């Protein structure tokens, strides 16, 4: 696979199938793999659903299970798995278990990443559903703006070289902003992002 999607899961059993199905329906023809990371979810439905998908799509879905260490640690587990076991993967997409992506999202994001070697990650506009809202982060990437505003959502497509440089999620972040910290650390190592409205659907509940 050329591209890997990582979904960390904790207490989103009822929403997980939507996220997984949105990945399996991607119109990306150059090799796609999905890594499900069960972060010690106490609901048996989470384990059962992940196991079912891994059995149904053994060439496409990998299921990892760990004790509850938090969102950052779950993402890092998936990332380390990709770096060690999927050497063909050029980029990783991080999808939260309660969100979903449109069918052309990954092909559009990967095409944008491939088109410019100076770009290291593709970050989306935020199209919220449930409680409808939208945020437009268009325009050239600005480290100055990024330093005062969290413009890069975790649901971004990130080139492998960023992770190989040692940039991972800080596990001490327990109440959010871990994505802001991650991308600022990446920028601190000289990596840069680009905004593309590629179709992330971000669930916002009341």
Protein backbone atom coordinates (compact mmCIF):
# COMPACT_ATOMS: atom_id res chain seq x y z
CA UNK A 1 0.00 0.00 0.00
CA UNK A 2 1.08 3.52 -0.85
CA UNK A 3 -1.17 5.20 1.71
CA UNK A 4 -2.25 4.12 5.21
CA UNK A 5 -5.16 5.41 7.28
CA UNK A 6 -4.92 5.13 11.07
CA UNK A 7 -8.07 5.24 13.21
CA UNK A 8 -7.55 5.37 17.00
CA UNK A 9 -10.64 4.17 18.88
CA UNK A 10 -11.95 4.75 22.39
CA UNK A 11 -15.67 4.74 23.24
CA UNK A 12 -16.90 5.42 19.71
CA UNK A 13 -18.30 1.96 18.99
CA UNK A 14 -21.58 3.26 17.58
CA UNK A 15 -19.85 5.63 15.16
CA UNK A 16 -16.82 3.58 14.17
CA UNK A 17 -18.48 1.76 11.27
CA UNK A 18 -19.15 5.07 9.50
CA UNK A 19 -15.47 6.00 9.71
CA UNK A 20 -14.29 2.58 8.53
CA UNK A 21 -16.77 2.41 5.66
CA UNK A 22 -15.74 5.88 4.49
CA UNK A 23 -12.17 4.57 4.20
CA UNK A 24 -13.11 1.33 2.48
CA UNK A 25 -15.13 3.32 -0.09
CA UNK A 26 -12.19 5.52 -1.05
CA UNK A 27 -11.58 5.83 -4.77
CA UNK A 28 -7.83 5.53 -4.35
CA UNK A 29 -6.33 3.01 -6.74
CA UNK A 30 -2.64 2.99 -5.76
CA UNK A 31 -2.85 0.81 -2.65
CA UNK A 32 -4.66 1.68 0.57
CA UNK A 33 -4.37 0.09 4.01
CA UNK A 34 -6.30 0.73 7.22
CA UNK A 35 -4.91 0.35 10.74
CA UNK A 36 -7.46 0.22 13.57
CA UNK A 37 -6.01 0.96 17.02
CA UNK A 38 -8.25 -0.06 19.91
CA UNK A 39 -6.98 2.10 22.77
CA UNK A 40 -8.33 -0.10 25.56
CA UNK A 41 -11.95 0.74 24.83
CA UNK A 42 -14.16 -0.77 27.59
CA UNK A 43 -16.98 -1.54 25.14
CA UNK A 44 -16.91 -5.08 23.76
CA UNK A 45 -18.59 -3.82 20.56
CA UNK A 46 -15.39 -1.96 19.65
CA UNK A 47 -13.29 -5.12 19.77
CA UNK A 48 -15.92 -7.15 17.94
CA UNK A 49 -16.31 -4.60 15.16
CA UNK A 50 -12.57 -4.19 14.65
CA UNK A 51 -12.10 -7.94 14.62
CA UNK A 52 -14.92 -8.38 12.10
CA UNK A 53 -13.38 -5.86 9.72
CA UNK A 54 -9.92 -7.42 10.08
CA UNK A 55 -11.35 -10.86 9.25
CA UNK A 56 -13.49 -9.56 6.38
CA UNK A 57 -10.65 -7.54 4.78
CA UNK A 58 -7.42 -9.32 5.82
CA UNK A 59 -5.35 -7.74 3.05
CA UNK A 60 -6.60 -4.23 3.80
CA UNK A 61 -7.26 -3.95 7.55
CA UNK A 62 -4.83 -4.40 10.45
CA UNK A 63 -6.23 -4.49 13.98
CA UNK A 64 -4.04 -3.40 16.92
CA UNK A 65 -5.22 -3.60 20.52
CA UNK A 66 -3.55 -1.98 23.52
CA UNK A 67 -4.26 -0.83 27.05
CA UNK A 68 -5.77 2.63 27.38
CA UNK A 69 -2.91 5.10 26.97
CA UNK A 70 -4.74 8.02 25.38
CA UNK A 71 -5.33 9.41 21.90
CA UNK A 72 -1.73 10.48 21.26
CA UNK A 73 -0.32 7.10 22.29
CA UNK A 74 -2.87 5.28 20.10
CA UNK A 75 -1.91 7.36 17.08
CA UNK A 76 1.77 6.78 17.82
CA UNK A 77 1.21 3.03 18.00
CA UNK A 78 -0.36 3.06 14.56
CA UNK A 79 2.39 5.26 13.17
CA UNK A 80 5.16 3.03 14.56
CA UNK A 81 3.43 -0.02 13.09
CA UNK A 82 3.38 1.60 9.65
CA UNK A 83 7.02 2.67 9.85
CA UNK A 84 8.13 -0.84 10.85
CA UNK A 85 5.85 -3.10 8.85
CA UNK A 86 4.61 -1.15 5.82
CA UNK A 87 7.72 0.23 4.10
CA UNK A 88 5.80 0.97 0.89
CA UNK A 89 3.60 3.56 2.65
CA UNK A 90 4.50 7.04 1.47
CA UNK A 91 1.97 8.90 3.62
CA UNK A 92 -0.32 8.43 6.61
CA UNK A 93 -3.79 9.84 7.10
CA UNK A 94 -5.16 10.21 10.64
CA UNK A 95 -8.92 9.79 10.95
CA UNK A 96 -10.76 10.03 14.27
CA UNK A 97 -13.30 7.27 14.89
CA UNK A 98 -16.26 9.68 14.98
CA UNK A 99 -15.39 11.45 11.73
CA UNK A 100 -15.51 10.35 8.10
CA UNK A 101 -14.14 11.28 4.68
CA UNK A 102 -15.72 11.65 1.25
CA UNK A 103 -14.94 9.06 -1.47
CA UNK A 104 -12.39 11.22 -3.33
CA UNK A 105 -10.72 12.66 -0.21
CA UNK A 106 -7.54 10.61 -0.12
CA UNK A 107 -6.90 10.64 -3.88
CA UNK A 108 -7.27 14.42 -3.87
CA UNK A 109 -5.03 14.89 -0.83
CA UNK A 110 -2.35 12.49 -2.12
CA UNK A 111 -2.30 14.16 -5.54
CA UNK A 112 -1.70 17.51 -3.83
CA UNK A 113 1.06 16.04 -1.67
CA UNK A 114 2.77 14.45 -4.69
CA UNK A 115 2.53 17.60 -6.79
CA UNK A 116 4.90 19.66 -4.62
CA UNK A 117 8.01 18.08 -3.04
CA UNK A 118 8.34 21.08 -0.70
CA UNK A 119 5.04 20.19 1.01
CA UNK A 120 5.08 17.65 3.86
CA UNK A 121 1.45 17.49 4.93
CA UNK A 122 -1.96 18.38 3.52
CA UNK A 123 -4.42 19.86 6.01
CA UNK A 124 -8.16 20.29 5.33
CA UNK A 125 -10.86 22.84 5.78
CA UNK A 126 -13.26 21.77 8.52
CA UNK A 127 -16.74 20.76 7.33
CA UNK A 128 -18.72 19.98 10.50
CA UNK A 129 -21.90 17.94 10.55
CA UNK A 130 -24.27 17.22 13.42
CA UNK A 131 -23.95 20.80 14.62
CA UNK A 132 -23.28 22.30 11.21
CA UNK A 133 -20.34 24.65 10.85
CA UNK A 134 -17.48 25.29 8.45
CA UNK A 135 -13.96 26.71 8.75
CA UNK A 136 -11.92 27.80 5.74
CA UNK A 137 -8.13 27.65 6.19
CA UNK A 138 -7.34 28.49 2.57
CA UNK A 139 -4.34 30.49 1.45
CA UNK A 140 -0.61 29.83 1.78
CA UNK A 141 0.55 28.11 4.95
CA UNK A 142 1.73 30.67 7.50
CA UNK A 143 3.82 29.62 10.48
CA UNK A 144 3.02 32.99 12.07
CA UNK A 145 -0.73 32.33 11.91
CA UNK A 146 -0.18 28.72 12.96
CA UNK A 147 1.68 29.85 16.06
CA UNK A 148 -1.45 31.61 17.37
CA UNK A 149 -4.24 29.52 15.77
CA UNK A 150 -4.68 25.76 15.43
CA UNK A 151 -5.19 25.69 11.66
CA UNK A 152 -4.01 22.10 11.03
CA UNK A 153 -6.53 19.45 12.07
CA UNK A 154 -5.24 16.01 13.02
CA UNK A 155 -7.20 14.63 10.04
CA UNK A 156 -4.38 15.54 7.68
CA UNK A 157 -2.35 13.54 5.17
CA UNK A 158 1.25 13.47 6.38
CA UNK A 159 4.31 12.36 4.44
CA UNK A 160 6.29 9.48 5.91
CA UNK A 161 9.44 11.61 6.17
CA UNK A 162 7.83 13.70 8.94
CA UNK A 163 7.49 10.64 11.19
CA UNK A 164 10.88 9.27 10.20
CA UNK A 165 12.35 12.55 11.46
CA UNK A 166 11.03 11.63 14.92
CA UNK A 167 7.93 13.82 15.01
CA UNK A 168 5.21 12.01 16.99
CA UNK A 169 2.30 13.02 19.23
CA UNK A 170 3.13 14.16 22.76
CA UNK A 171 1.38 11.74 25.12
CA UNK A 172 1.25 14.31 27.93
CA UNK A 173 -1.57 16.13 26.11
CA UNK A 174 -4.77 14.75 27.63
CA UNK A 175 -7.41 17.41 26.92
CA UNK A 176 -6.76 18.38 23.33
CA UNK A 177 -4.33 20.53 21.33
CA UNK A 178 -2.07 17.54 20.70
CA UNK A 179 -2.49 18.07 16.95
CA UNK A 180 -1.47 21.73 17.25
CA UNK A 181 1.67 20.70 19.14
CA UNK A 182 2.43 17.94 16.62
CA UNK A 183 2.34 20.20 13.58
CA UNK A 184 4.28 22.99 15.30
CA UNK A 185 6.97 20.43 16.16
CA UNK A 186 6.98 19.35 12.51
CA UNK A 187 7.29 22.98 11.42
CA UNK A 188 10.14 23.40 13.91
CA UNK A 189 12.04 20.72 12.00
CA UNK A 190 11.54 22.59 8.74
CA UNK A 191 8.48 20.74 7.44
CA UNK A 192 5.60 22.67 5.92
CA UNK A 193 1.93 22.08 5.20
CA UNK A 194 -0.58 23.08 2.55
CA UNK A 195 -4.33 23.56 2.77
CA UNK A 196 -6.55 21.56 0.41
CA UNK A 197 -10.29 21.26 0.87
CA UNK A 198 -10.37 17.51 0.24
CA UNK A 199 -13.51 16.39 2.05
CA UNK A 200 -13.02 15.74 5.77
CA UNK A 201 -16.39 15.49 7.51
CA UNK A 202 -15.91 16.43 11.15
CA UNK A 203 -18.62 15.32 13.56
CA UNK A 204 -19.70 18.02 16.04
CA UNK A 205 -22.11 16.92 18.75
CA UNK A 206 -24.15 19.30 20.96
